[in-house]
Protein backbone atom coordinates (compact mmCIF):
# COMPACT_ATOMS: atom_id res chain seq x y z
CA UNK A 1 81.32 95.12 15.49
CA UNK A 2 79.77 91.96 14.00
CA UNK A 3 81.26 89.74 11.30
CA UNK A 4 79.34 86.97 9.51
CA UNK A 5 80.52 84.56 6.83
CA UNK A 6 78.23 84.75 3.83
CA UNK A 7 77.87 82.50 0.81
CA UNK A 8 75.18 84.38 -1.04
CA UNK A 9 74.40 86.01 -4.35
CA UNK A 10 71.70 88.07 -2.64
CA UNK A 11 72.14 91.78 -3.27
CA UNK A 12 69.17 93.65 -1.89
CA UNK A 13 70.46 97.04 -2.91
CA UNK A 14 72.82 98.13 -5.65
CA UNK A 15 75.90 100.15 -4.93
CA UNK A 16 74.87 103.81 -4.89
CA UNK A 17 76.37 106.19 -7.42
CA UNK A 18 78.31 107.86 -4.63
CA UNK A 19 79.00 106.94 -1.04
CA UNK A 20 78.61 109.97 1.15
CA UNK A 21 81.35 110.73 3.62
CA UNK A 22 81.17 108.35 6.59
CA UNK A 23 82.84 108.60 9.96
CA UNK A 24 84.34 105.10 9.74
CA UNK A 25 85.94 105.57 6.31
CA UNK A 26 89.42 104.73 7.61
CA UNK A 27 88.12 101.57 9.28
CA UNK A 28 86.45 100.52 6.02
CA UNK A 29 89.63 101.12 4.02
CA UNK A 30 91.71 99.17 6.56
CA UNK A 31 89.24 96.30 6.37
CA UNK A 32 89.49 96.22 2.58
CA UNK A 33 93.27 96.50 2.70
CA UNK A 34 93.67 93.60 5.13
CA UNK A 35 90.85 91.20 4.16
CA UNK A 36 89.95 91.56 0.47
CA UNK A 37 90.50 88.37 -1.54
CA UNK A 38 93.12 90.03 -3.76
CA UNK A 39 95.99 92.35 -2.93
CA UNK A 40 94.90 95.99 -3.18
CA UNK A 41 97.13 98.58 -4.84
CA UNK A 42 98.03 101.27 -2.28
CA UNK A 43 97.08 103.99 -4.76
CA UNK A 44 93.51 102.71 -4.90
CA UNK A 45 93.08 102.98 -1.14
CA UNK A 46 93.89 106.67 -1.32
CA UNK A 47 90.79 107.28 -3.43
CA UNK A 48 87.20 107.82 -2.25
CA UNK A 49 85.03 104.87 -1.19
CA UNK A 50 82.83 105.02 -4.28
CA UNK A 51 85.84 104.58 -6.57
CA UNK A 52 87.26 101.81 -4.37
CA UNK A 53 84.08 99.72 -4.38
CA UNK A 54 83.61 100.23 -8.10
CA UNK A 55 87.09 98.72 -8.57
CA UNK A 56 86.29 95.60 -6.54
CA UNK A 57 84.18 92.59 -7.57
CA UNK A 58 80.39 93.04 -8.01
CA UNK A 59 79.58 91.28 -4.71
CA UNK A 60 81.52 93.66 -2.48
CA UNK A 61 79.51 96.67 -1.37
CA UNK A 62 78.90 99.24 1.34
CA UNK A 63 75.60 99.31 3.25
CA UNK A 64 74.04 102.10 5.22
CA UNK A 65 72.36 100.99 8.44
CA UNK A 66 68.96 100.77 6.71
CA UNK A 67 70.38 98.96 3.69
CA UNK A 68 72.13 96.42 5.89
CA UNK A 69 68.93 95.75 7.81
CA UNK A 70 67.03 95.15 4.56
CA UNK A 71 69.83 92.96 3.24
CA UNK A 72 69.72 90.78 6.36
CA UNK A 73 65.93 90.63 6.11
CA UNK A 74 66.20 89.34 2.55
CA UNK A 75 68.44 86.45 3.62
CA UNK A 76 66.17 85.65 6.55
CA UNK A 77 63.10 85.68 4.27
CA UNK A 78 61.49 88.78 5.78
CA UNK A 79 59.57 90.75 3.17
CA UNK A 80 56.67 93.08 2.62
CA UNK A 81 54.06 91.75 0.21
CA UNK A 82 51.04 89.50 -0.18
CA UNK A 83 52.75 86.18 0.64
CA UNK A 84 53.06 84.20 -2.60
CA UNK A 85 55.72 82.54 -4.71
CA UNK A 86 55.33 83.05 -8.46
CA UNK A 87 56.65 82.12 -11.88
CA UNK A 88 56.02 83.34 -15.41
CA UNK A 89 52.89 82.14 -17.23
CA UNK A 90 51.65 82.80 -20.76
CA UNK A 91 48.70 84.77 -19.38
CA UNK A 92 50.50 86.61 -16.57
CA UNK A 93 52.07 85.37 -13.33
CA UNK A 94 51.33 81.90 -11.99
CA UNK A 95 50.97 81.45 -8.22
CA UNK A 96 53.09 78.42 -7.31
CA UNK A 97 52.84 78.69 -3.54
CA UNK A 98 50.70 80.60 -1.03
CA UNK A 99 52.20 81.01 2.42
CA UNK A 100 50.08 80.24 5.49
CA UNK A 101 48.61 83.27 7.27
CA UNK A 102 49.46 85.63 4.41
CA UNK A 103 47.11 88.25 2.92
CA UNK A 104 46.89 86.08 -0.20
CA UNK A 105 45.69 83.04 1.74
CA UNK A 106 43.16 85.10 3.69
CA UNK A 107 41.80 86.46 0.38
CA UNK A 108 41.28 82.95 -0.98
CA UNK A 109 44.13 82.96 -3.50
CA UNK A 110 45.44 79.46 -4.19
CA UNK A 111 48.39 77.82 -5.91
CA UNK A 112 47.53 77.48 -9.59
CA UNK A 113 45.77 80.85 -9.79
CA UNK A 114 47.06 83.31 -12.37
CA UNK A 115 47.53 87.02 -11.66
CA UNK A 116 46.54 88.78 -14.87
CA UNK A 117 47.07 92.39 -13.75
CA UNK A 118 48.01 94.53 -10.77
CA UNK A 119 46.34 97.92 -10.26
CA UNK A 120 45.14 97.75 -13.85
CA UNK A 121 48.59 97.02 -15.32
CA UNK A 122 48.73 93.80 -17.35
CA UNK A 123 51.41 91.34 -16.25
CA UNK A 124 51.27 89.35 -19.46
CA UNK A 125 54.70 89.11 -21.06
CA UNK A 126 56.56 90.46 -18.01
CA UNK A 127 59.31 88.48 -16.33
CA UNK A 128 58.78 87.49 -12.71
CA UNK A 129 61.10 90.14 -11.27
CA UNK A 130 59.36 92.95 -13.17
CA UNK A 131 55.92 91.63 -12.24
CA UNK A 132 56.83 91.45 -8.56
CA UNK A 133 57.53 95.19 -8.49
CA UNK A 134 53.85 95.82 -9.32
CA UNK A 135 52.62 93.41 -6.64
CA UNK A 136 54.90 94.45 -3.79
CA UNK A 137 55.00 97.79 -1.97
CA UNK A 138 55.11 99.42 1.43
CA UNK A 139 53.44 97.72 4.39
CA UNK A 140 49.86 98.90 4.86
CA UNK A 141 49.33 99.87 1.21
CA UNK A 142 46.87 98.01 -0.98
CA UNK A 143 47.01 96.41 -4.41
CA UNK A 144 44.12 95.41 -6.68
CA UNK A 145 44.76 92.13 -8.50
CA UNK A 146 42.86 90.60 -11.38
CA UNK A 147 43.09 86.89 -10.65
CA UNK A 148 42.07 83.93 -12.81
CA UNK A 149 40.90 80.98 -10.70
CA UNK A 150 40.22 77.98 -12.91
CA UNK A 151 37.86 79.46 -15.53
CA UNK A 152 36.64 82.44 -13.50
CA UNK A 153 38.26 85.87 -13.28
CA UNK A 154 37.80 88.07 -10.23
CA UNK A 155 39.25 91.27 -8.80
CA UNK A 156 40.78 90.95 -5.34
CA UNK A 157 42.06 93.82 -3.20
CA UNK A 158 44.80 92.99 -0.70
CA UNK A 159 46.73 94.95 1.91
CA UNK A 160 50.45 94.35 1.88
CA UNK A 161 51.97 93.16 5.16
CA UNK A 162 55.35 92.31 6.65
CA UNK A 163 55.78 88.60 6.09
CA UNK A 164 58.21 86.07 7.51
CA UNK A 165 58.54 83.47 4.78
CA UNK A 166 59.75 79.97 5.71
CA UNK A 167 63.34 79.04 4.93
CA UNK A 168 62.15 75.51 4.11
CA UNK A 169 58.89 74.09 2.77
CA UNK A 170 57.99 70.57 1.72
CA UNK A 171 55.42 67.91 1.08
CA UNK A 172 55.21 64.20 0.42
CA UNK A 173 54.92 63.50 -3.30
CA UNK A 174 53.05 60.57 -4.79
CA UNK A 175 54.72 57.23 -4.20
CA UNK A 176 56.07 58.25 -0.77
CA UNK A 177 58.76 60.57 -2.14
CA UNK A 178 59.77 63.42 0.19
CA UNK A 179 60.12 66.86 -1.41
CA UNK A 180 61.98 69.63 0.45
CA UNK A 181 62.43 73.13 -0.97
CA UNK A 182 65.27 75.22 0.49
CA UNK A 183 64.39 78.87 -0.10
CA UNK A 184 67.44 80.33 1.62
CA UNK A 185 70.36 79.35 3.85
CA UNK A 186 69.50 81.16 7.08
CA UNK A 187 69.99 80.32 10.78
CA UNK A 188 66.56 78.62 10.63
CA UNK A 189 67.21 76.43 7.59
CA UNK A 190 68.41 73.27 9.32
CA UNK A 191 65.81 73.44 12.09
CA UNK A 192 63.03 73.84 9.54
CA UNK A 193 64.48 71.12 7.29
CA UNK A 194 64.47 68.72 10.22
CA UNK A 195 60.94 69.68 11.20
CA UNK A 196 59.56 69.43 7.66
CA UNK A 197 61.23 66.09 6.94
CA UNK A 198 60.10 64.59 10.27
CA UNK A 199 56.49 65.30 9.34
CA UNK A 200 56.77 62.91 6.38
CA UNK A 201 56.41 59.25 7.33
CA UNK A 202 57.79 56.29 5.37
CA UNK A 203 59.70 58.30 2.76
CA UNK A 204 61.61 56.16 0.25
CA UNK A 205 63.54 58.92 -1.51
CA UNK A 206 64.26 62.62 -0.92
CA UNK A 207 64.14 65.38 -3.52
CA UNK A 208 65.79 68.61 -2.32
CA UNK A 209 65.22 71.76 -4.35
CA UNK A 210 67.60 74.75 -4.43
CA UNK A 211 66.35 76.23 -7.71
CA UNK A 212 66.31 80.04 -7.48
CA UNK A 213 67.98 79.88 -4.06
CA UNK A 214 70.59 82.70 -4.04
CA UNK A 215 72.45 81.41 -0.97
CA UNK A 216 72.90 82.71 2.54
CA UNK A 217 75.12 81.81 5.47
CA UNK A 218 77.98 79.32 5.16
CA UNK A 219 77.12 77.75 8.51
CA UNK A 220 73.62 76.92 7.22
CA UNK A 221 75.09 75.16 4.16
CA UNK A 222 77.40 73.16 6.45
CA UNK A 223 74.38 72.09 8.50
CA UNK A 224 72.37 71.03 5.43
CA UNK A 225 75.28 68.93 4.20
CA UNK A 226 75.52 67.41 7.67
CA UNK A 227 72.22 65.55 7.21
CA UNK A 228 73.79 63.40 4.48
CA UNK A 229 75.53 60.40 6.08
CA UNK A 230 78.64 60.18 3.89
CA UNK A 231 79.39 63.88 3.29
CA UNK A 232 82.41 65.10 5.26
CA UNK A 233 83.65 68.28 3.53
CA UNK A 234 81.54 71.27 2.52
CA UNK A 235 84.16 73.21 0.54
CA UNK A 236 87.72 74.49 0.34
CA UNK A 237 88.42 78.22 0.57
CA UNK A 238 91.47 80.15 -0.61
CA UNK A 239 91.96 83.37 1.32
CA UNK A 240 94.66 85.84 0.43
CA UNK A 241 97.09 84.49 3.01
CA UNK A 242 95.85 80.97 3.73
CA UNK A 243 93.73 78.03 2.62
CA UNK A 244 90.98 76.54 4.77
CA UNK A 245 88.70 73.50 4.56
CA UNK A 246 85.14 73.84 5.83
CA UNK A 247 83.59 70.61 7.05
CA UNK A 248 79.99 69.51 6.85
CA UNK A 249 78.59 69.80 10.35
CA UNK A 250 78.52 66.47 12.18
CA UNK A 251 74.83 66.04 13.04
CA UNK A 252 72.91 63.21 14.66
CA UNK A 253 69.90 63.85 12.42
CA UNK A 254 70.34 62.27 8.99
CA UNK A 255 68.40 61.71 5.80
CA UNK A 256 69.30 58.07 5.25
CA UNK A 257 67.29 57.46 2.08
CA UNK A 258 68.62 58.09 -1.49
CA UNK A 259 68.43 61.71 -2.61
CA UNK A 260 68.13 63.98 -5.63
CA UNK A 261 68.91 67.71 -5.85
CA UNK A 262 67.23 70.18 -8.21
CA UNK A 263 69.34 73.11 -9.50
CA UNK A 264 69.09 75.86 -12.09
CA UNK A 265 70.91 78.94 -13.35
CA UNK A 266 69.68 80.93 -10.33
CA UNK A 267 71.07 78.48 -7.78
CA UNK A 268 74.03 80.43 -6.43
CA UNK A 269 76.68 80.56 -3.74
CA UNK A 270 75.61 78.40 -0.77
CA UNK A 271 73.35 76.45 -3.14
CA UNK A 272 76.41 75.71 -5.26
CA UNK A 273 78.40 74.65 -2.20
CA UNK A 274 75.70 72.10 -1.37
CA UNK A 275 75.37 70.98 -4.99
CA UNK A 276 79.11 70.60 -5.49
CA UNK A 277 79.64 68.69 -2.28
CA UNK A 278 76.73 66.30 -2.86
CA UNK A 279 77.96 65.67 -6.39
CA UNK A 280 81.57 65.02 -5.34
CA UNK A 281 80.45 62.55 -2.68
CA UNK A 282 77.86 60.90 -4.95
CA UNK A 283 75.37 61.65 -2.19
CA UNK A 284 72.65 62.89 -4.56
CA UNK A 285 71.85 62.97 -8.27
CA UNK A 286 71.64 66.54 -9.61
CA UNK A 287 68.82 67.46 -12.02
CA UNK A 288 68.27 70.70 -13.92
CA UNK A 289 70.62 73.22 -15.50
CA UNK A 290 74.09 74.54 -14.64
CA UNK A 291 74.16 76.79 -11.58
CA UNK A 292 75.02 80.50 -11.54
CA UNK A 293 78.75 80.21 -10.92
CA UNK A 294 79.51 82.39 -7.92
CA UNK A 295 82.61 81.09 -6.18
CA UNK A 296 83.48 84.10 -4.04
CA UNK A 297 82.81 84.13 -0.30
CA UNK A 298 81.86 87.34 1.49
CA UNK A 299 82.19 88.50 5.05
CA UNK A 300 79.64 90.99 6.32
CA UNK A 301 81.18 93.37 8.83
CA UNK A 302 78.86 95.63 10.79
CA UNK A 303 80.23 98.79 12.37
CA UNK A 304 79.22 100.55 15.57
CA UNK A 305 76.92 102.97 13.74
CA UNK A 306 74.95 100.09 12.19
CA UNK A 307 76.42 100.45 8.71
CA UNK A 308 78.42 97.65 7.18
CA UNK A 309 80.50 96.24 4.37
CA UNK A 310 79.97 93.01 2.44
CA UNK A 311 83.45 92.09 1.23
CA UNK A 312 84.73 89.19 -0.86
CA UNK A 313 87.44 87.53 1.22
CA UNK A 314 88.01 84.12 -0.41
CA UNK A 315 87.48 81.94 -3.46
CA UNK A 316 85.83 78.61 -2.76
CA UNK A 317 85.90 75.22 -4.44
CA UNK A 318 84.11 71.88 -4.16
CA UNK A 319 85.58 69.09 -1.98
CA UNK A 320 87.34 67.72 -5.09
CA UNK A 321 88.70 71.22 -5.79
CA UNK A 322 86.43 71.80 -8.77
CA UNK A 323 86.13 75.47 -9.75
CA UNK A 324 82.74 77.12 -9.14
CA UNK A 325 83.36 80.78 -9.94
CA UNK A 326 82.22 81.74 -13.47
CA UNK A 327 81.67 78.04 -14.18
CA UNK A 328 78.93 76.73 -11.89
CA UNK A 329 77.94 73.19 -11.06
CA UNK A 330 76.70 71.09 -13.98
CA UNK A 331 73.81 68.69 -13.36
CA UNK A 332 74.12 64.93 -13.68
CA UNK A 333 70.84 64.98 -15.61
CA UNK A 334 70.34 68.10 -17.72
CA UNK A 335 66.62 68.75 -18.08
CA UNK A 336 64.03 71.52 -18.26
CA UNK A 337 61.66 69.46 -16.08
CA UNK A 338 63.89 68.49 -13.16
CA UNK A 339 61.17 67.84 -10.57
CA UNK A 340 59.17 65.57 -12.85
CA UNK A 341 62.28 63.69 -14.00
CA UNK A 342 63.63 63.26 -10.47
CA UNK A 343 60.22 62.03 -9.34
CA UNK A 344 60.09 59.51 -12.19
CA UNK A 345 63.57 58.19 -11.46
CA UNK A 346 62.84 57.96 -7.73
CA UNK A 347 59.88 55.68 -8.48
CA UNK A 348 62.11 53.32 -10.44
CA UNK A 349 63.86 52.22 -7.24
CA UNK A 350 60.77 50.18 -6.38
CA UNK A 351 61.54 47.91 -9.34
CA UNK A 352 57.84 47.45 -10.03
CA UNK A 353 56.47 46.22 -13.32
CA UNK A 354 56.14 49.33 -15.50
CA UNK A 355 53.72 49.44 -18.41
CA UNK A 356 53.98 51.52 -21.57
CA UNK A 357 52.65 55.05 -21.29
CA UNK A 358 48.87 55.34 -21.66
CA UNK A 359 47.33 58.42 -23.33
CA UNK A 360 43.95 59.42 -21.91
CA UNK A 361 41.39 62.23 -21.84
CA UNK A 362 41.09 64.60 -18.89
CA UNK A 363 37.86 62.98 -17.65
CA UNK A 364 39.21 59.42 -17.82
CA UNK A 365 37.97 56.72 -15.47
CA UNK A 366 40.55 53.96 -15.13
CA UNK A 367 39.76 50.26 -15.19
CA UNK A 368 42.03 48.10 -13.01
CA UNK A 369 42.05 44.31 -13.27
CA UNK A 370 43.50 42.31 -10.38
CA UNK A 371 44.76 38.72 -10.49
CA UNK A 372 42.71 37.84 -7.40
CA UNK A 373 39.39 38.98 -5.88
CA UNK A 374 39.64 41.90 -3.43
CA UNK A 375 37.45 44.42 -1.65
CA UNK A 376 37.57 48.09 -2.74
CA UNK A 377 38.57 49.25 0.75
CA UNK A 378 41.47 46.80 1.02
CA UNK A 379 42.66 47.44 -2.51
CA UNK A 380 42.48 51.25 -2.31
CA UNK A 381 45.04 51.37 0.51
CA UNK A 382 47.75 50.19 -1.91
CA UNK A 383 47.02 52.71 -4.69
CA UNK A 384 48.79 56.01 -5.37
CA UNK A 385 47.49 58.31 -8.11
CA UNK A 386 49.35 61.55 -8.71
CA UNK A 387 50.64 64.11 -11.17
CA UNK A 388 54.40 63.85 -11.62
CA UNK A 389 56.02 66.32 -9.23
CA UNK A 390 52.88 66.44 -7.09
CA UNK A 391 51.28 64.76 -4.12
CA UNK A 392 48.62 62.03 -4.12
CA UNK A 393 45.29 63.05 -5.62
CA UNK A 394 41.86 62.07 -4.28
CA UNK A 395 39.93 59.38 -6.10
CA UNK A 396 37.15 56.85 -5.58
CA UNK A 397 37.30 53.10 -6.12
CA UNK A 398 34.26 51.07 -7.00
CA UNK A 399 34.02 47.35 -7.81
CA UNK A 400 32.75 46.41 -11.26
CA UNK A 401 33.06 42.78 -10.12
CA UNK A 402 35.31 40.96 -7.63
CA UNK A 403 38.50 41.42 -9.69
CA UNK A 404 37.68 44.56 -11.73
CA UNK A 405 37.75 48.04 -10.19
CA UNK A 406 36.99 51.53 -11.47
CA UNK A 407 39.30 54.35 -10.32
CA UNK A 408 37.67 57.74 -10.79
CA UNK A 409 39.73 60.89 -10.02
CA UNK A 410 37.62 63.43 -8.12
CA UNK A 411 38.79 66.23 -10.43
CA UNK A 412 39.46 66.32 -14.18
CA UNK A 413 43.11 65.83 -15.10
CA UNK A 414 45.23 68.62 -16.59
CA UNK A 415 45.74 68.45 -20.33
CA UNK A 416 49.37 68.02 -21.52
CA UNK A 417 50.38 66.75 -18.09
CA UNK A 418 51.91 63.48 -16.94
CA UNK A 419 50.39 61.33 -14.19
CA UNK A 420 51.23 58.02 -12.56
CA UNK A 421 49.03 55.22 -11.30
CA UNK A 422 51.00 53.15 -8.83
CA UNK A 423 49.89 50.03 -6.98
CA UNK A 424 52.05 48.75 -4.13
CA UNK A 425 52.24 45.05 -3.37
CA UNK A 426 50.94 43.81 -0.02
CA UNK A 427 47.19 44.10 -0.49
CA UNK A 428 45.24 41.02 0.60
CA UNK A 429 42.70 39.19 -1.54
CA UNK A 430 39.34 38.02 -0.19
CA UNK A 431 40.84 34.54 0.09
CA UNK A 432 43.64 35.80 2.33
CA UNK A 433 46.47 35.79 -0.23
CA UNK A 434 48.94 38.70 -0.24
CA UNK A 435 49.99 40.29 -3.53
CA UNK A 436 53.71 40.18 -4.24
CA UNK A 437 54.13 42.43 -7.28
CA UNK A 438 53.75 46.19 -7.64
CA UNK A 439 52.91 48.00 -10.86
CA UNK A 440 53.44 51.49 -12.30
CA UNK A 441 51.34 52.92 -15.13
CA UNK A 442 52.60 56.21 -16.67
CA UNK A 443 49.77 58.36 -18.02
CA UNK A 444 49.73 61.34 -20.39
CA UNK A 445 46.63 63.53 -20.66
CA UNK A 446 45.70 64.94 -24.05
CA UNK A 447 42.72 66.65 -25.61
CA UNK A 448 40.05 64.30 -26.87
């Protein structure tokens, strides 16, 4: 028998219409009687399991052995598919991330591509969950995708495979801002968070992202909170017969720099534990929209035959005893563009001179005037050019004269997008003087 504490909205399978007779029915009823978050009427326990579970909260359910295995796989990011993360687009489904070693990567699909149709069925106007059902399928089966890459459309056939998706991904954004996306709270989350963050040198600010993260294991949330220096408590839980305080795990590894957290209406359970704790301790600024509002903790109990029960056993609250269930965690900054806004605010900590926003065309070449002569090679080392929410973009620098330089992005800029040109202080002029002031130039790209 295995029991795990779960703080997750994940529900891989819905409760079946009926639960067939099971050998461990008495054990299941005893478990519900003794551990469910609320007192159970004796009359209810005399009924069949289907009726009992239908009378409990929506997060409590019975799993067959196969259902429990698939449920655990979903928390641990094990899926069958082509290996992409997607979101809705006006033309279909936008690829936001392609996972290394996946069928999608091997077929040449890239982030920014748009899937227009799957097996001849248009994905235009479908929500992401509906669209995914057309893309996913059994391992070894194939799917034919019509994919738009930049201005070209091609048909790509892929074979679906079993894929282990990462619990954590990340990259360094422009201006030396570290971005870490937490996809789930699994046993691998902290280890991958540490590994991903260590790969980023000289980070000045961290942006953690739990948007669309349905939760996972409580212990993983405690570990994530443990990387923040001043956070001591993860949450308070009220069981039927006792109250308990769960601490943030005391870890040697810390993220010492200032932090932001991105949340949305699909951030649930363990994501809300992390959001609530960081907010109560003023350890991060929260950007986005109010979270889902799931404040019930489940225990997953596995029986000898491999079946199991996911049962709500406690209500949980933030360290300051703020209610989460049916309420959620409200952001400090409510916005529909949380990543871009968090990135902008993170850049303000440099206290550089910031100019008024400049509106340019997509093929713009930028003219930069310096207050002292410099060489292109020396000057280029201090420049960051990036789309808000993205990493540094490639560009060339050429000297028009000794104090005038031309910055030419290697690719056209995206229309209706915001960019930033940032110049750090510290570059050395040809006369040996070191610059002391940094500058930030916000840029908006519009049609000519």
